[in-house]
Amino acid sequence: MAKEATLQVRMDAELKEKAELLYRSLGTSLAEAVRVFAKQSLVENSIPFQEAANKGHAFGIASGYADASLIKKEKSAYAKAMEAKHAFD
């Protein structure tokens, strides 16, 4: 598959550096890891994290950045949106 598109992502410089070191130690690159992540997302039709890496809940590794005051509202927001979207009148 030809690489014809470019993806630009902004992230903390320290996070990027640590991720690059990790993937280099695994024999690949951060860019390749992003491609693998995208492909696996399509295979699973979901975010491809295992439960253990996901800290046991839907907010996963991003939970450290979540607004704690909104977590209870956010937990049921998707389900409520889907119910509303697919409700039969």
PDB file of N, CA and C in Angstrom:
ATOM      1  N   MET A   1       0.847  -1.175   0.000  1.00  0.00           N
ATOM      2  CA  MET A   1       0.000   0.000   0.000  1.00  0.00           C
ATOM      3  C   MET A   1       0.890   1.235   0.000  1.00  0.00           C
ATOM      4  N   ALA A   2       0.666   2.125  -0.926  1.00  0.00           N
ATOM      5  CA  ALA A   2       1.460   3.343  -1.027  1.00  0.00           C
ATOM      6  C   ALA A   2       1.127   4.304   0.103  1.00  0.00           C
ATOM      7  N   LYS A   3       2.133   4.987   0.566  1.00  0.00           N
ATOM      8  CA  LYS A   3       1.942   5.975   1.632  1.00  0.00           C
ATOM      9  C   LYS A   3       1.747   7.329   0.971  1.00  0.00           C
ATOM     10  N   GLU A   4       0.482   7.725   0.796  1.00  0.00           N
ATOM     11  CA  GLU A   4       0.150   8.928   0.043  1.00  0.00           C
ATOM     12  C   GLU A   4      -0.359  10.074   0.902  1.00  0.00           C
ATOM     13  N   ALA A   5      -0.701   9.812   2.164  1.00  0.00           N
ATOM     14  CA  ALA A   5      -1.283  10.842   3.021  1.00  0.00           C
ATOM     15  C   ALA A   5      -0.348  11.117   4.197  1.00  0.00           C
ATOM     16  N   THR A   6      -0.450  12.321   4.707  1.00  0.00           N
ATOM     17  CA  THR A   6       0.349  12.733   5.857  1.00  0.00           C
ATOM     18  C   THR A   6      -0.566  13.015   7.031  1.00  0.00           C
ATOM     19  N   LEU A   7      -0.160  12.558   8.199  1.00  0.00           N
ATOM     20  CA  LEU A   7      -0.893  12.810   9.433  1.00  0.00           C
ATOM     21  C   LEU A   7       0.008  13.621  10.348  1.00  0.00           C
ATOM     22  N   GLN A   8      -0.476  14.751  10.812  1.00  0.00           N
ATOM     23  CA  GLN A   8       0.274  15.557  11.769  1.00  0.00           C
ATOM     24  C   GLN A   8      -0.446  15.501  13.099  1.00  0.00           C
ATOM     25  N   VAL A   9       0.305  15.199  14.149  1.00  0.00           N
ATOM     26  CA  VAL A   9      -0.264  15.073  15.482  1.00  0.00           C
ATOM     27  C   VAL A   9       0.561  15.924  16.437  1.00  0.00           C
ATOM     28  N   ARG A  10      -0.112  16.741  17.225  1.00  0.00           N
ATOM     29  CA  ARG A  10       0.590  17.517  18.247  1.00  0.00           C
ATOM     30  C   ARG A  10       0.555  16.745  19.550  1.00  0.00           C
ATOM     31  N   MET A  11       1.716  16.653  20.206  1.00  0.00           N
ATOM     32  CA  MET A  11       1.788  15.994  21.505  1.00  0.00           C
ATOM     33  C   MET A  11       2.933  16.603  22.285  1.00  0.00           C
ATOM     34  N   ASP A  12       2.935  16.318  23.558  1.00  0.00           N
ATOM     35  CA  ASP A  12       3.993  16.763  24.445  1.00  0.00           C
ATOM     36  C   ASP A  12       5.331  16.232  23.934  1.00  0.00           C
ATOM     37  N   ALA A  13       6.355  17.071  23.917  1.00  0.00           N
ATOM     38  CA  ALA A  13       7.663  16.674  23.390  1.00  0.00           C
ATOM     39  C   ALA A  13       8.258  15.503  24.153  1.00  0.00           C
ATOM     40  N   GLU A  14       8.083  15.484  25.466  1.00  0.00           N
ATOM     41  CA  GLU A  14       8.623  14.385  26.275  1.00  0.00           C
ATOM     42  C   GLU A  14       7.920  13.070  25.945  1.00  0.00           C
ATOM     43  N   LEU A  15       6.600  13.124  25.765  1.00  0.00           N
ATOM     44  CA  LEU A  15       5.845  11.930  25.377  1.00  0.00           C
ATOM     45  C   LEU A  15       6.343  11.397  24.045  1.00  0.00           C
ATOM     46  N   LYS A  16       6.524  12.283  23.082  1.00  0.00           N
ATOM     47  CA  LYS A  16       7.003  11.873  21.761  1.00  0.00           C
ATOM     48  C   LYS A  16       8.379  11.228  21.856  1.00  0.00           C
ATOM     49  N   GLU A  17       9.270  11.841  22.615  1.00  0.00           N
ATOM     50  CA  GLU A  17      10.619  11.312  22.745  1.00  0.00           C
ATOM     51  C   GLU A  17      10.613   9.929  23.391  1.00  0.00           C
ATOM     52  N   LYS A  18       9.823   9.770  24.449  1.00  0.00           N
ATOM     53  CA  LYS A  18       9.742   8.470  25.117  1.00  0.00           C
ATOM     54  C   LYS A  18       9.139   7.406  24.209  1.00  0.00           C
ATOM     55  N   ALA A  19       8.109   7.784  23.458  1.00  0.00           N
ATOM     56  CA  ALA A  19       7.486   6.831  22.535  1.00  0.00           C
ATOM     57  C   ALA A  19       8.457   6.440  21.423  1.00  0.00           C
ATOM     58  N   GLU A  20       9.191   7.414  20.900  1.00  0.00           N
ATOM     59  CA  GLU A  20      10.177   7.098  19.863  1.00  0.00           C
ATOM     60  C   GLU A  20      11.248   6.145  20.392  1.00  0.00           C
ATOM     61  N   LEU A  21      11.717   6.379  21.610  1.00  0.00           N
ATOM     62  CA  LEU A  21      12.711   5.481  22.213  1.00  0.00           C
ATOM     63  C   LEU A  21      12.141   4.075  22.397  1.00  0.00           C
ATOM     64  N   LEU A  22      10.909   4.010  22.871  1.00  0.00           N
ATOM     65  CA  LEU A  22      10.266   2.710  23.053  1.00  0.00           C
ATOM     66  C   LEU A  22      10.182   1.948  21.741  1.00  0.00           C
ATOM     67  N   TYR A  23       9.632   2.583  20.714  1.00  0.00           N
ATOM     68  CA  TYR A  23       9.446   1.877  19.447  1.00  0.00           C
ATOM     69  C   TYR A  23      10.766   1.566  18.768  1.00  0.00           C
ATOM     70  N   ARG A  24      11.755   2.435  18.943  1.00  0.00           N
ATOM     71  CA  ARG A  24      13.082   2.136  18.402  1.00  0.00           C
ATOM     72  C   ARG A  24      13.633   0.880  19.080  1.00  0.00           C
ATOM     73  N   SER A  25      13.442   0.754  20.405  1.00  0.00           N
ATOM     74  CA  SER A  25      13.926  -0.433  21.122  1.00  0.00           C
ATOM     75  C   SER A  25      13.182  -1.694  20.683  1.00  0.00           C
ATOM     76  N   LEU A  26      11.977  -1.516  20.148  1.00  0.00           N
ATOM     77  CA  LEU A  26      11.188  -2.642  19.647  1.00  0.00           C
ATOM     78  C   LEU A  26      11.463  -2.931  18.175  1.00  0.00           C
ATOM     79  N   GLY A  27      12.369  -2.146  17.587  1.00  0.00           N
ATOM     80  CA  GLY A  27      12.768  -2.377  16.206  1.00  0.00           C
ATOM     81  C   GLY A  27      11.860  -1.736  15.172  1.00  0.00           C
ATOM     82  N   THR A  28      11.135  -0.715  15.572  1.00  0.00           N
ATOM     83  CA  THR A  28      10.251  -0.034  14.632  1.00  0.00           C
ATOM     84  C   THR A  28      10.286   1.468  14.929  1.00  0.00           C
ATOM     85  N   SER A  29       9.345   2.192  14.395  1.00  0.00           N
ATOM     86  CA  SER A  29       9.312   3.643  14.595  1.00  0.00           C
ATOM     87  C   SER A  29       7.949   4.055  15.130  1.00  0.00           C
ATOM     88  N   LEU A  30       7.884   5.256  15.659  1.00  0.00           N
ATOM     89  CA  LEU A  30       6.611   5.794  16.127  1.00  0.00           C
ATOM     90  C   LEU A  30       5.637   5.913  14.951  1.00  0.00           C
ATOM     91  N   ALA A  31       6.121   6.327  13.808  1.00  0.00           N
ATOM     92  CA  ALA A  31       5.258   6.444  12.626  1.00  0.00           C
ATOM     93  C   ALA A  31       4.666   5.089  12.242  1.00  0.00           C
ATOM     94  N   GLU A  32       5.488   4.038  12.276  1.00  0.00           N
ATOM     95  CA  GLU A  32       4.984   2.700  11.951  1.00  0.00           C
ATOM     96  C   GLU A  32       3.991   2.242  13.007  1.00  0.00           C
ATOM     97  N   ALA A  33       4.248   2.568  14.270  1.00  0.00           N
ATOM     98  CA  ALA A  33       3.322   2.205  15.354  1.00  0.00           C
ATOM     99  C   ALA A  33       1.958   2.867  15.132  1.00  0.00           C
ATOM    100  N   VAL A  34       1.952   4.099  14.663  1.00  0.00           N
ATOM    101  CA  VAL A  34       0.690   4.791  14.374  1.00  0.00           C
ATOM    102  C   VAL A  34      -0.040   4.082  13.237  1.00  0.00           C
ATOM    103  N   ARG A  35       0.701   3.659  12.205  1.00  0.00           N
ATOM    104  CA  ARG A  35       0.074   2.923  11.094  1.00  0.00           C
ATOM    105  C   ARG A  35      -0.508   1.598  11.579  1.00  0.00           C
ATOM    106  N   VAL A  36       0.236   0.889  12.435  1.00  0.00           N
ATOM    107  CA  VAL A  36      -0.249  -0.383  12.990  1.00  0.00           C
ATOM    108  C   VAL A  36      -1.510  -0.136  13.810  1.00  0.00           C
ATOM    109  N   PHE A  37      -1.490   0.915  14.623  1.00  0.00           N
ATOM    110  CA  PHE A  37      -2.649   1.266  15.443  1.00  0.00           C
ATOM    111  C   PHE A  37      -3.879   1.512  14.561  1.00  0.00           C
ATOM    112  N   ALA A  38      -3.711   2.268  13.481  1.00  0.00           N
ATOM    113  CA  ALA A  38      -4.834   2.563  12.584  1.00  0.00           C
ATOM    114  C   ALA A  38      -5.362   1.281  11.935  1.00  0.00           C
ATOM    115  N   LYS A  39      -4.453   0.431  11.468  1.00  0.00           N
ATOM    116  CA  LYS A  39      -4.880  -0.821  10.832  1.00  0.00           C
ATOM    117  C   LYS A  39      -5.618  -1.716  11.819  1.00  0.00           C
ATOM    118  N   GLN A  40      -5.090  -1.850  13.032  1.00  0.00           N
ATOM    119  CA  GLN A  40      -5.725  -2.705  14.024  1.00  0.00           C
ATOM    120  C   GLN A  40      -7.066  -2.136  14.464  1.00  0.00           C
ATOM    121  N   SER A  41      -7.183  -0.818  14.507  1.00  0.00           N
ATOM    122  CA  SER A  41      -8.465  -0.191  14.830  1.00  0.00           C
ATOM    123  C   SER A  41      -9.531  -0.605  13.827  1.00  0.00           C
ATOM    124  N   LEU A  42      -9.151  -0.667  12.550  1.00  0.00           N
ATOM    125  CA  LEU A  42     -10.099  -1.079  11.514  1.00  0.00           C
ATOM    126  C   LEU A  42     -10.456  -2.557  11.645  1.00  0.00           C
ATOM    127  N   VAL A  43      -9.462  -3.387  11.960  1.00  0.00           N
ATOM    128  CA  VAL A  43      -9.717  -4.823  12.141  1.00  0.00           C
ATOM    129  C   VAL A  43     -10.710  -5.043  13.279  1.00  0.00           C
ATOM    130  N   GLU A  44     -10.487  -4.347  14.409  1.00  0.00           N
ATOM    131  CA  GLU A  44     -11.330  -4.540  15.588  1.00  0.00           C
ATOM    132  C   GLU A  44     -12.565  -3.642  15.596  1.00  0.00           C
ATOM    133  N   ASN A  45     -12.598  -2.690  14.683  1.00  0.00           N
ATOM    134  CA  ASN A  45     -13.672  -1.700  14.639  1.00  0.00           C
ATOM    135  C   ASN A  45     -13.822  -1.021  16.006  1.00  0.00           C
ATOM    136  N   SER A  46     -12.671  -0.733  16.609  1.00  0.00           N
ATOM    137  CA  SER A  46     -12.629  -0.183  17.964  1.00  0.00           C
ATOM    138  C   SER A  46     -11.216   0.309  18.240  1.00  0.00           C
ATOM    139  N   ILE A  47     -11.023   0.931  19.404  1.00  0.00           N
ATOM    140  CA  ILE A  47      -9.678   1.273  19.840  1.00  0.00           C
ATOM    141  C   ILE A  47      -9.028  -0.024  20.316  1.00  0.00           C
ATOM    142  N   PRO A  48      -7.886  -0.387  19.757  1.00  0.00           N
ATOM    143  CA  PRO A  48      -7.309  -1.707  20.032  1.00  0.00           C
ATOM    144  C   PRO A  48      -6.443  -1.783  21.294  1.00  0.00           C
ATOM    145  N   PHE A  49      -7.009  -1.450  22.446  1.00  0.00           N
ATOM    146  CA  PHE A  49      -6.286  -1.602  23.709  1.00  0.00           C
ATOM    147  C   PHE A  49      -6.832  -2.808  24.449  1.00  0.00           C
ATOM    148  N   GLN A  50      -5.957  -3.550  25.066  1.00  0.00           N
ATOM    149  CA  GLN A  50      -6.401  -4.637  25.924  1.00  0.00           C
ATOM    150  C   GLN A  50      -6.888  -4.051  27.230  1.00  0.00           C
ATOM    151  N   GLU A  51      -7.751  -4.767  27.899  1.00  0.00           N
ATOM    152  CA  GLU A  51      -8.310  -4.297  29.164  1.00  0.00           C
ATOM    153  C   GLU A  51      -7.230  -3.944  30.169  1.00  0.00           C
ATOM    154  N   ALA A  52      -6.174  -4.743  30.278  1.00  0.00           N
ATOM    155  CA  ALA A  52      -5.114  -4.476  31.252  1.00  0.00           C
ATOM    156  C   ALA A  52      -4.443  -3.134  30.979  1.00  0.00           C
ATOM    157  N   ALA A  53      -4.205  -2.830  29.721  1.00  0.00           N
ATOM    158  CA  ALA A  53      -3.583  -1.558  29.370  1.00  0.00           C
ATOM    159  C   ALA A  53      -4.579  -0.420  29.494  1.00  0.00           C
ATOM    160  N   ASN A  54      -5.833  -0.773  29.576  1.00  0.00           N
ATOM    161  CA  ASN A  54      -6.907   0.208  29.578  1.00  0.00           C
ATOM    162  C   ASN A  54      -7.341   0.612  30.981  1.00  0.00           C
ATOM    163  N   LYS A  55      -6.618   0.204  31.995  1.00  0.00           N
ATOM    164  CA  LYS A  55      -6.918   0.541  33.391  1.00  0.00           C
ATOM    165  C   LYS A  55      -8.322   0.137  33.810  1.00  0.00           C
ATOM    166  N   GLY A  56      -8.936  -0.817  33.103  1.00  0.00           N
ATOM    167  CA  GLY A  56     -10.210  -1.359  33.526  1.00  0.00           C
ATOM    168  C   GLY A  56     -11.431  -0.525  33.228  1.00  0.00           C
ATOM    169  N   HIS A  57     -11.314   0.533  32.478  1.00  0.00           N
ATOM    170  CA  HIS A  57     -12.494   1.323  32.147  1.00  0.00           C
ATOM    171  C   HIS A  57     -12.316   2.016  30.807  1.00  0.00           C
ATOM    172  N   ALA A  58     -13.389   2.580  30.322  1.00  0.00           N
ATOM    173  CA  ALA A  58     -13.418   3.128  28.969  1.00  0.00           C
ATOM    174  C   ALA A  58     -12.530   4.339  28.778  1.00  0.00           C
ATOM    175  N   PHE A  59     -12.155   5.009  29.844  1.00  0.00           N
ATOM    176  CA  PHE A  59     -11.345   6.214  29.685  1.00  0.00           C
ATOM    177  C   PHE A  59      -9.874   5.887  29.457  1.00  0.00           C
ATOM    178  N   GLY A  60      -9.472   4.636  29.752  1.00  0.00           N
ATOM    179  CA  GLY A  60      -8.155   4.131  29.423  1.00  0.00           C
ATOM    180  C   GLY A  60      -7.005   5.021  29.826  1.00  0.00           C
ATOM    181  N   ILE A  61      -5.970   5.011  29.019  1.00  0.00           N
ATOM    182  CA  ILE A  61      -4.764   5.741  29.351  1.00  0.00           C
ATOM    183  C   ILE A  61      -4.965   7.241  29.312  1.00  0.00           C
ATOM    184  N   ALA A  62      -6.033   7.695  28.694  1.00  0.00           N
ATOM    185  CA  ALA A  62      -6.312   9.132  28.651  1.00  0.00           C
ATOM    186  C   ALA A  62      -6.963   9.625  29.937  1.00  0.00           C
ATOM    187  N   SER A  63      -7.270   8.720  30.853  1.00  0.00           N
ATOM    188  CA  SER A  63      -7.982   9.112  32.073  1.00  0.00           C
ATOM    189  C   SER A  63      -7.206  10.125  32.897  1.00  0.00           C
ATOM    190  N   GLY A  64      -5.899  10.116  32.793  1.00  0.00           N
ATOM    191  CA  GLY A  64      -5.095  11.084  33.521  1.00  0.00           C
ATOM    192  C   GLY A  64      -5.335  12.506  33.072  1.00  0.00           C
ATOM    193  N   TYR A  65      -5.894  12.670  31.894  1.00  0.00           N
ATOM    194  CA  TYR A  65      -6.159  13.992  31.347  1.00  0.00           C
ATOM    195  C   TYR A  65      -7.628  14.385  31.460  1.00  0.00           C
ATOM    196  N   ALA A  66      -8.455  13.485  31.959  1.00  0.00           N
ATOM    197  CA  ALA A  66      -9.897  13.722  32.021  1.00  0.00           C
ATOM    198  C   ALA A  66     -10.240  14.702  33.138  1.00  0.00           C
ATOM    199  N   ASP A  67     -11.313  15.429  32.943  1.00  0.00           N
ATOM    200  CA  ASP A  67     -11.847  16.326  33.963  1.00  0.00           C
ATOM    201  C   ASP A  67     -12.683  15.467  34.908  1.00  0.00           C
ATOM    202  N   ALA A  68     -12.184  15.287  36.125  1.00  0.00           N
ATOM    203  CA  ALA A  68     -12.830  14.390  37.079  1.00  0.00           C
ATOM    204  C   ALA A  68     -14.290  14.759  37.331  1.00  0.00           C
ATOM    205  N   SER A  69     -14.613  16.037  37.256  1.00  0.00           N
ATOM    206  CA  SER A  69     -15.989  16.458  37.518  1.00  0.00           C
ATOM    207  C   SER A  69     -16.948  16.032  36.411  1.00  0.00           C
ATOM    208  N   LEU A  70     -16.411  15.688  35.255  1.00  0.00           N
ATOM    209  CA  LEU A  70     -17.273  15.312  34.128  1.00  0.00           C
ATOM    210  C   LEU A  70     -17.327  13.802  33.891  1.00  0.00           C
ATOM    211  N   ILE A  71     -16.507  13.030  34.590  1.00  0.00           N
ATOM    212  CA  ILE A  71     -16.413  11.598  34.310  1.00  0.00           C
ATOM    213  C   ILE A  71     -17.757  10.890  34.431  1.00  0.00           C
ATOM    214  N   LYS A  72     -18.521  11.156  35.486  1.00  0.00           N
ATOM    215  CA  LYS A  72     -19.819  10.480  35.643  1.00  0.00           C
ATOM    216  C   LYS A  72     -20.748  10.803  34.483  1.00  0.00           C
ATOM    217  N   LYS A  73     -20.744  12.054  34.041  1.00  0.00           N
ATOM    218  CA  LYS A  73     -21.594  12.441  32.910  1.00  0.00           C
ATOM    219  C   LYS A  73     -21.111  11.774  31.624  1.00  0.00           C
ATOM    220  N   GLU A  74     -19.790  11.724  31.443  1.00  0.00           N
ATOM    221  CA  GLU A  74     -19.220  11.186  30.216  1.00  0.00           C
ATOM    222  C   GLU A  74     -19.420   9.677  30.098  1.00  0.00           C
ATOM    223  N   LYS A  75     -19.413   8.964  31.220  1.00  0.00           N
ATOM    224  CA  LYS A  75     -19.521   7.509  31.180  1.00  0.00           C
ATOM    225  C   LYS A  75     -20.790   7.040  30.491  1.00  0.00           C
ATOM    226  N   SER A  76     -21.881   7.759  30.693  1.00  0.00           N
ATOM    227  CA  SER A  76     -23.139   7.320  30.086  1.00  0.00           C
ATOM    228  C   SER A  76     -23.511   8.134  28.845  1.00  0.00           C
ATOM    229  N   ALA A  77     -22.708   9.100  28.482  1.00  0.00           N
ATOM    230  CA  ALA A  77     -23.055   9.977  27.358  1.00  0.00           C
ATOM    231  C   ALA A  77     -23.183   9.207  26.047  1.00  0.00           C
ATOM    232  N   TYR A  78     -22.248   8.294  25.765  1.00  0.00           N
ATOM    233  CA  TYR A  78     -22.290   7.553  24.506  1.00  0.00           C
ATOM    234  C   TYR A  78     -23.537   6.683  24.439  1.00  0.00           C
ATOM    235  N   ALA A  79     -23.807   5.955  25.511  1.00  0.00           N
ATOM    236  CA  ALA A  79     -24.991   5.084  25.525  1.00  0.00           C
ATOM    237  C   ALA A  79     -26.266   5.891  25.341  1.00  0.00           C
ATOM    238  N   LYS A  80     -26.353   7.021  26.019  1.00  0.00           N
ATOM    239  CA  LYS A  80     -27.540   7.873  25.880  1.00  0.00           C
ATOM    240  C   LYS A  80     -27.668   8.403  24.456  1.00  0.00           C
ATOM    241  N   ALA A  81     -26.566   8.784  23.862  1.00  0.00           N
ATOM    242  CA  ALA A  81     -26.593   9.300  22.490  1.00  0.00           C
ATOM    243  C   ALA A  81     -27.049   8.220  21.517  1.00  0.00           C
ATOM    244  N   MET A  82     -26.568   6.993  21.709  1.00  0.00           N
ATOM    245  CA  MET A  82     -26.958   5.893  20.830  1.00  0.00           C
ATOM    246  C   MET A  82     -28.435   5.547  21.018  1.00  0.00           C
ATOM    247  N   GLU A  83     -28.911   5.569  22.247  1.00  0.00           N
ATOM    248  CA  GLU A  83     -30.331   5.308  22.496  1.00  0.00           C
ATOM    249  C   GLU A  83     -31.181   6.357  21.809  1.00  0.00           C
ATOM    250  N   ALA A  84     -30.780   7.609  21.931  1.00  0.00           N
ATOM    251  CA  ALA A  84     -31.539   8.701  21.315  1.00  0.00           C
ATOM    252  C   ALA A  84     -31.502   8.590  19.793  1.00  0.00           C
ATOM    253  N   LYS A  85     -30.343   8.246  19.255  1.00  0.00           N
ATOM    254  CA  LYS A  85     -30.183   8.149  17.806  1.00  0.00           C
ATOM    255  C   LYS A  85     -31.035   7.031  17.212  1.00  0.00           C
ATOM    256  N   HIS A  86     -31.135   5.921  17.940  1.00  0.00           N
ATOM    257  CA  HIS A  86     -31.809   4.754  17.412  1.00  0.00           C
ATOM    258  C   HIS A  86     -33.200   4.528  18.004  1.00  0.00           C
ATOM    259  N   ALA A  87     -33.708   5.505  18.716  1.00  0.00           N
ATOM    260  CA  ALA A  87     -35.026   5.369  19.343  1.00  0.00           C
ATOM    261  C   ALA A  87     -36.122   5.360  18.254  1.00  0.00           C
ATOM    262  N   PHE A  88     -37.087   4.525  18.476  1.00  0.00           N
ATOM    263  CA  PHE A  88     -38.207   4.454  17.547  1.00  0.00           C
ATOM    264  C   PHE A  88     -39.358   5.249  18.135  1.00  0.00           C
ATOM    265  N   ASP A  89     -39.939   6.098  17.323  1.00  0.00           N
ATOM    266  CA  ASP A  89     -41.094   6.902  17.784  1.00  0.00           C
ATOM    267  C   ASP A  89     -42.386   6.197  17.520  1.00  0.00           C
TER     268      ASP A  89
END
